[in-house]
Every structure is written in structure tokens, then in C-alpha cells.
PDB file of N, CA and C in Angstrom:
ATOM      1  N   MET A   1      -3.040  -4.189 -94.486  1.00  0.00           N
ATOM      2  CA  MET A   1      -2.987  -5.811 -94.060  1.00  0.00           C
ATOM      3  C   MET A   1      -3.805  -6.663 -95.068  1.00  0.00           C
ATOM      4  N   TYR A   2      -3.050  -7.789 -95.384  1.00  0.00           N
ATOM      5  CA  TYR A   2      -3.669  -8.722 -96.660  1.00  0.00           C
ATOM      6  C   TYR A   2      -4.258  -9.878 -96.104  1.00  0.00           C
ATOM      7  N   ALA A   3      -5.035 -10.494 -96.696  1.00  0.00           N
ATOM      8  CA  ALA A   3      -5.691 -11.782 -96.644  1.00  0.00           C
ATOM      9  C   ALA A   3      -4.607 -12.866 -97.245  1.00  0.00           C
ATOM     10  N   ARG A   4      -4.470 -14.151 -96.956  1.00  0.00           N
ATOM     11  CA  ARG A   4      -3.598 -15.221 -97.518  1.00  0.00           C
ATOM     12  C   ARG A   4      -2.033 -14.750 -97.083  1.00  0.00           C
ATOM     13  N   GLU A   5      -1.672 -14.060 -96.015  1.00  0.00           N
ATOM     14  CA  GLU A   5      -0.503 -13.840 -95.855  1.00  0.00           C
ATOM     15  C   GLU A   5       0.423 -14.639 -95.007  1.00  0.00           C
ATOM     16  N   HIS A   6       1.553 -14.618 -94.697  1.00  0.00           N
ATOM     17  CA  HIS A   6       2.616 -15.507 -93.979  1.00  0.00           C
ATOM     18  C   HIS A   6       3.007 -14.904 -92.503  1.00  0.00           C
ATOM     19  N   PRO A   7       3.265 -15.889 -91.815  1.00  0.00           N
ATOM     20  CA  PRO A   7       3.755 -15.447 -90.315  1.00  0.00           C
ATOM     21  C   PRO A   7       4.850 -14.776 -90.538  1.00  0.00           C
ATOM     22  N   PRO A   8       5.351 -14.003 -89.488  1.00  0.00           N
ATOM     23  CA  PRO A   8       4.719 -13.752 -88.248  1.00  0.00           C
ATOM     24  C   PRO A   8       3.752 -12.657 -88.710  1.00  0.00           C
ATOM     25  N   PRO A   9       2.500 -12.736 -87.676  1.00  0.00           N
ATOM     26  CA  PRO A   9       1.287 -11.658 -87.907  1.00  0.00           C
ATOM     27  C   PRO A   9       2.298 -10.302 -87.985  1.00  0.00           C
ATOM     28  N   HIS A  10       1.818  -9.612 -89.355  1.00  0.00           N
ATOM     29  CA  HIS A  10       2.476  -8.477 -89.293  1.00  0.00           C
ATOM     30  C   HIS A  10       1.417  -7.558 -89.998  1.00  0.00           C
ATOM     31  N   PHE A  11       1.635  -6.124 -90.237  1.00  0.00           N
ATOM     32  CA  PHE A  11       0.973  -5.222 -91.051  1.00  0.00           C
ATOM     33  C   PHE A  11       1.628  -4.763 -92.049  1.00  0.00           C
ATOM     34  N   HIS A  12       1.320  -4.070 -92.892  1.00  0.00           N
ATOM     35  CA  HIS A  12       2.132  -3.242 -93.971  1.00  0.00           C
ATOM     36  C   HIS A  12       2.127  -1.714 -93.636  1.00  0.00           C
ATOM     37  N   ALA A  13       2.839  -0.965 -93.602  1.00  0.00           N
ATOM     38  CA  ALA A  13       3.110   0.321 -93.344  1.00  0.00           C
ATOM     39  C   ALA A  13       3.585   1.044 -94.946  1.00  0.00           C
ATOM     40  N   ILE A  14       2.738   1.940 -95.108  1.00  0.00           N
ATOM     41  CA  ILE A  14       3.433   2.636 -96.679  1.00  0.00           C
ATOM     42  C   ILE A  14       3.265   3.923 -96.737  1.00  0.00           C
ATOM     43  N   TYR A  15       4.357   4.506 -96.923  1.00  0.00           N
ATOM     44  CA  TYR A  15       4.464   6.168 -97.236  1.00  0.00           C
ATOM     45  C   TYR A  15       5.411   6.302 -98.406  1.00  0.00           C
ATOM     46  N   ALA A  16       4.480   7.125 -99.086  1.00  0.00           N
ATOM     47  CA  ALA A  16       5.314   7.500-100.704  1.00  0.00           C
ATOM     48  C   ALA A  16       6.127   5.928-101.114  1.00  0.00           C
ATOM     49  N   GLU A  17       7.233   5.996-101.709  1.00  0.00           N
ATOM     50  CA  GLU A  17       8.014   4.700-102.277  1.00  0.00           C
ATOM     51  C   GLU A  17       8.300   4.087-101.308  1.00  0.00           C
ATOM     52  N   TYR A  18       8.040   4.128 -99.832  1.00  0.00           N
ATOM     53  CA  TYR A  18       8.699   3.229 -98.903  1.00  0.00           C
ATOM     54  C   TYR A  18       7.637   2.350 -98.415  1.00  0.00           C
ATOM     55  N   GLU A  19       8.124   1.045 -97.887  1.00  0.00           N
ATOM     56  CA  GLU A  19       7.175   0.168 -97.157  1.00  0.00           C
ATOM     57  C   GLU A  19       7.895  -0.741 -96.352  1.00  0.00           C
ATOM     58  N   GLU A  20       7.010  -0.728 -95.170  1.00  0.00           N
ATOM     59  CA  GLU A  20       7.738  -1.514 -94.007  1.00  0.00           C
ATOM     60  C   GLU A  20       6.923  -2.602 -93.480  1.00  0.00           C
ATOM     61  N   LEU A  21       7.077  -3.819 -93.272  1.00  0.00           N
ATOM     62  CA  LEU A  21       6.436  -4.728 -92.509  1.00  0.00           C
ATOM     63  C   LEU A  21       6.586  -4.714 -91.025  1.00  0.00           C
ATOM     64  N   ILE A  22       5.606  -4.734 -90.411  1.00  0.00           N
ATOM     65  CA  ILE A  22       5.673  -4.415 -88.681  1.00  0.00           C
ATOM     66  C   ILE A  22       5.199  -5.617 -88.020  1.00  0.00           C
ATOM     67  N   GLU A  23       5.879  -6.286 -87.430  1.00  0.00           N
ATOM     68  CA  GLU A  23       5.492  -7.479 -86.395  1.00  0.00           C
ATOM     69  C   GLU A  23       4.314  -6.631 -85.517  1.00  0.00           C
ATOM     70  N   ILE A  24       3.251  -7.441 -85.375  1.00  0.00           N
ATOM     71  CA  ILE A  24       1.976  -6.930 -84.603  1.00  0.00           C
ATOM     72  C   ILE A  24       2.257  -7.067 -83.051  1.00  0.00           C
ATOM     73  N   ARG A  25       2.979  -8.221 -82.548  1.00  0.00           N
ATOM     74  CA  ARG A  25       3.436  -8.276 -81.295  1.00  0.00           C
ATOM     75  C   ARG A  25       4.432  -7.627 -80.487  1.00  0.00           C
ATOM     76  N   THR A  26       5.389  -7.188 -81.401  1.00  0.00           N
ATOM     77  CA  THR A  26       6.752  -6.612 -80.742  1.00  0.00           C
ATOM     78  C   THR A  26       6.694  -5.091 -81.699  1.00  0.00           C
ATOM     79  N   LEU A  27       6.107  -5.060 -82.417  1.00  0.00           N
ATOM     80  CA  LEU A  27       6.277  -3.686 -83.351  1.00  0.00           C
ATOM     81  C   LEU A  27       7.681  -3.218 -83.643  1.00  0.00           C
ATOM     82  N   PHE A  28       8.404  -4.678 -83.997  1.00  0.00           N
ATOM     83  CA  PHE A  28       9.658  -4.415 -84.588  1.00  0.00           C
ATOM     84  C   PHE A  28       9.610  -4.653 -86.029  1.00  0.00           C
ATOM     85  N   THR A  29      10.374  -4.266 -86.855  1.00  0.00           N
ATOM     86  CA  THR A  29      10.439  -4.062 -88.427  1.00  0.00           C
ATOM     87  C   THR A  29      10.736  -5.630 -88.914  1.00  0.00           C
ATOM     88  N   TYR A  30       9.993  -6.392 -89.650  1.00  0.00           N
ATOM     89  CA  TYR A  30      10.132  -7.616 -90.270  1.00  0.00           C
ATOM     90  C   TYR A  30      10.953  -7.459 -91.648  1.00  0.00           C
ATOM     91  N   ALA A  31      10.506  -6.367 -92.323  1.00  0.00           N
ATOM     92  CA  ALA A  31      11.316  -6.086 -93.619  1.00  0.00           C
ATOM     93  C   ALA A  31      10.883  -4.712 -93.991  1.00  0.00           C
ATOM     94  N   GLY A  32      11.807  -4.036 -94.644  1.00  0.00           N
ATOM     95  CA  GLY A  32      11.558  -2.908 -95.615  1.00  0.00           C
ATOM     96  C   GLY A  32      11.871  -1.658 -94.271  1.00  0.00           C
ATOM     97  N   SER A  33      11.744  -0.430 -94.796  1.00  0.00           N
ATOM     98  CA  SER A  33      11.777   0.677 -93.963  1.00  0.00           C
ATOM     99  C   SER A  33      10.930   1.947 -94.239  1.00  0.00           C
ATOM    100  N   LEU A  34      10.581   2.676 -93.356  1.00  0.00           N
ATOM    101  CA  LEU A  34       9.762   4.015 -93.478  1.00  0.00           C
ATOM    102  C   LEU A  34      11.104   4.956 -93.092  1.00  0.00           C
ATOM    103  N   PRO A  35      10.835   6.016 -93.588  1.00  0.00           N
ATOM    104  CA  PRO A  35      11.770   7.302 -92.934  1.00  0.00           C
ATOM    105  C   PRO A  35      11.326   7.346 -91.418  1.00  0.00           C
ATOM    106  N   LYS A  36      12.392   7.896 -90.829  1.00  0.00           N
ATOM    107  CA  LYS A  36      12.131   7.677 -89.340  1.00  0.00           C
ATOM    108  C   LYS A  36      10.755   8.506 -88.627  1.00  0.00           C
ATOM    109  N   ALA A  37      10.538   9.565 -89.081  1.00  0.00           N
ATOM    110  CA  ALA A  37       9.322  10.562 -88.501  1.00  0.00           C
ATOM    111  C   ALA A  37       7.852   9.719 -88.916  1.00  0.00           C
ATOM    112  N   GLN A  38       7.723   9.395 -90.004  1.00  0.00           N
ATOM    113  CA  GLN A  38       6.813   8.282 -90.450  1.00  0.00           C
ATOM    114  C   GLN A  38       6.784   6.930 -89.844  1.00  0.00           C
ATOM    115  N   ARG A  39       7.815   6.363 -89.264  1.00  0.00           N
ATOM    116  CA  ARG A  39       7.857   5.232 -88.682  1.00  0.00           C
ATOM    117  C   ARG A  39       7.397   5.375 -87.121  1.00  0.00           C
ATOM    118  N   LYS A  40       7.847   6.539 -86.539  1.00  0.00           N
ATOM    119  CA  LYS A  40       7.339   7.043 -85.162  1.00  0.00           C
ATOM    120  C   LYS A  40       5.952   7.026 -85.299  1.00  0.00           C
ATOM    121  N   LYS A  41       5.266   7.437 -85.958  1.00  0.00           N
ATOM    122  CA  LYS A  41       3.828   7.893 -86.164  1.00  0.00           C
ATOM    123  C   LYS A  41       3.110   6.591 -86.095  1.00  0.00           C
ATOM    124  N   VAL A  42       3.641   5.713 -86.993  1.00  0.00           N
ATOM    125  CA  VAL A  42       2.995   4.372 -87.459  1.00  0.00           C
ATOM    126  C   VAL A  42       3.076   3.745 -86.114  1.00  0.00           C
ATOM    127  N   ILE A  43       4.242   3.752 -85.465  1.00  0.00           N
ATOM    128  CA  ILE A  43       4.289   2.972 -84.050  1.00  0.00           C
ATOM    129  C   ILE A  43       3.416   3.247 -83.009  1.00  0.00           C
ATOM    130  N   GLU A  44       3.614   4.931 -83.082  1.00  0.00           N
ATOM    131  CA  GLU A  44       2.369   5.341 -81.952  1.00  0.00           C
ATOM    132  C   GLU A  44       1.066   4.790 -82.272  1.00  0.00           C
ATOM    133  N   TRP A  45       0.773   5.158 -83.498  1.00  0.00           N
ATOM    134  CA  TRP A  45      -0.531   4.518 -83.877  1.00  0.00           C
ATOM    135  C   TRP A  45      -0.618   3.184 -83.299  1.00  0.00           C
ATOM    136  N   ALA A  46      -0.004   2.076 -83.876  1.00  0.00           N
ATOM    137  CA  ALA A  46      -0.119   0.693 -83.750  1.00  0.00           C
ATOM    138  C   ALA A  46      -0.217   0.445 -81.966  1.00  0.00           C
ATOM    139  N   GLU A  47       0.593   1.225 -81.270  1.00  0.00           N
ATOM    140  CA  GLU A  47       0.868   0.527 -80.030  1.00  0.00           C
ATOM    141  C   GLU A  47      -0.338   0.658 -79.076  1.00  0.00           C
ATOM    142  N   THR A  48      -1.557   1.436 -79.828  1.00  0.00           N
ATOM    143  CA  THR A  48      -2.707   1.624 -79.070  1.00  0.00           C
ATOM    144  C   THR A  48      -3.841   0.562 -79.728  1.00  0.00           C
ATOM    145  N   ARG A  49      -3.502   0.165 -80.638  1.00  0.00           N
ATOM    146  CA  ARG A  49      -4.317  -1.106 -81.748  1.00  0.00           C
ATOM    147  C   ARG A  49      -3.698  -2.274 -81.629  1.00  0.00           C
ATOM    148  N   GLN A  50      -2.850  -2.800 -81.057  1.00  0.00           N
ATOM    149  CA  GLN A  50      -2.366  -4.142 -81.157  1.00  0.00           C
ATOM    150  C   GLN A  50      -3.397  -5.150 -81.299  1.00  0.00           C
ATOM    151  N   GLU A  51      -4.130  -5.066 -80.087  1.00  0.00           N
ATOM    152  CA  GLU A  51      -5.259  -6.473 -80.026  1.00  0.00           C
ATOM    153  C   GLU A  51      -6.063  -6.320 -81.390  1.00  0.00           C
ATOM    154  N   TYR A  52      -6.610  -5.031 -81.982  1.00  0.00           N
ATOM    155  CA  TYR A  52      -7.331  -5.041 -82.804  1.00  0.00           C
ATOM    156  C   TYR A  52      -6.622  -5.493 -84.215  1.00  0.00           C
ATOM    157  N   LEU A  53      -5.312  -4.969 -84.289  1.00  0.00           N
ATOM    158  CA  LEU A  53      -4.350  -5.586 -85.240  1.00  0.00           C
ATOM    159  C   LEU A  53      -4.478  -7.052 -85.417  1.00  0.00           C
ATOM    160  N   MET A  54      -4.202  -7.655 -84.411  1.00  0.00           N
ATOM    161  CA  MET A  54      -3.995  -9.054 -84.276  1.00  0.00           C
ATOM    162  C   MET A  54      -5.234  -9.814 -84.563  1.00  0.00           C
ATOM    163  N   GLN A  55      -6.222  -9.192 -84.066  1.00  0.00           N
ATOM    164  CA  GLN A  55      -7.612  -9.850 -84.335  1.00  0.00           C
ATOM    165  C   GLN A  55      -7.986  -9.897 -85.887  1.00  0.00           C
ATOM    166  N   ASN A  56      -7.684  -8.753 -86.610  1.00  0.00           N
ATOM    167  CA  ASN A  56      -7.814  -8.445 -87.856  1.00  0.00           C
ATOM    168  C   ASN A  56      -6.986  -9.524 -88.665  1.00  0.00           C
ATOM    169  N   PHE A  57      -5.689  -9.555 -88.311  1.00  0.00           N
ATOM    170  CA  PHE A  57      -4.735 -10.353 -88.984  1.00  0.00           C
ATOM    171  C   PHE A  57      -5.440 -11.716 -88.841  1.00  0.00           C
ATOM    172  N   GLN A  58      -5.727 -12.202 -87.786  1.00  0.00           N
ATOM    173  CA  GLN A  58      -6.280 -13.623 -87.755  1.00  0.00           C
ATOM    174  C   GLN A  58      -7.577 -13.726 -88.421  1.00  0.00           C
ATOM    175  N   ARG A  59      -8.291 -12.950 -88.540  1.00  0.00           N
ATOM    176  CA  ARG A  59      -9.657 -13.033 -89.259  1.00  0.00           C
ATOM    177  C   ARG A  59      -9.293 -12.932 -90.771  1.00  0.00           C
ATOM    178  N   LEU A  60      -8.357 -12.510 -91.271  1.00  0.00           N
ATOM    179  CA  LEU A  60      -7.999 -12.662 -92.623  1.00  0.00           C
ATOM    180  C   LEU A  60      -7.119 -13.587 -92.954  1.00  0.00           C
ATOM    181  N   ASN A  61      -6.337 -14.164 -92.071  1.00  0.00           N
ATOM    182  CA  ASN A  61      -5.803 -15.270 -92.050  1.00  0.00           C
ATOM    183  C   ASN A  61      -6.023 -16.378 -91.279  1.00  0.00           C
ATOM    184  N   PRO A  62      -7.175 -17.068 -91.167  1.00  0.00           N
ATOM    185  CA  PRO A  62      -7.370 -18.050 -90.126  1.00  0.00           C
ATOM    186  C   PRO A  62      -6.669 -19.202 -90.090  1.00  0.00           C
ATOM    187  N   ARG A  63      -6.153 -19.604 -91.164  1.00  0.00           N
ATOM    188  CA  ARG A  63      -5.178 -20.875 -91.144  1.00  0.00           C
ATOM    189  C   ARG A  63      -3.867 -20.796 -90.339  1.00  0.00           C
ATOM    190  N   LEU A  64      -3.541 -19.605 -90.076  1.00  0.00           N
ATOM    191  CA  LEU A  64      -2.193 -19.313 -89.328  1.00  0.00           C
ATOM    192  C   LEU A  64      -2.536 -19.311 -87.873  1.00  0.00           C
TER     193      LEU A  64
END
């Protein structure tokens, strides 16, 4: 997750040469892709941390 980002609220998942931007509220892919097995692990992790991810996004991007 980076400061000075753009909507929608999202986070970056990076694995080797792959990168996927995932919307925090829906956990849908915004851009890019990860291999299926790695994406599954990321989504399972994010499902239990959506509130934290949204708070962190808002802290880093207060003008959005």
C-alpha cells in the first residue's frame, strides 16, 4: 500500500514478477494478476483484515 494513491481504495499484492491491485471493499482485482494459488492466499489473508486495510489506506491517503 502506498501514499498518494488513487481511488478505489486498494492494495498491491506482489509475487515474483506478478503484481495485482485488489480493491479492499470487494477483494476484486482492479488491475494485474497473480498466479491462482498465490491470489487465493492473498484473498484469504485480506478477508480477515479488510477493516485494517481500509484504515491504513485512508491514513496514507487522507484526501480521498
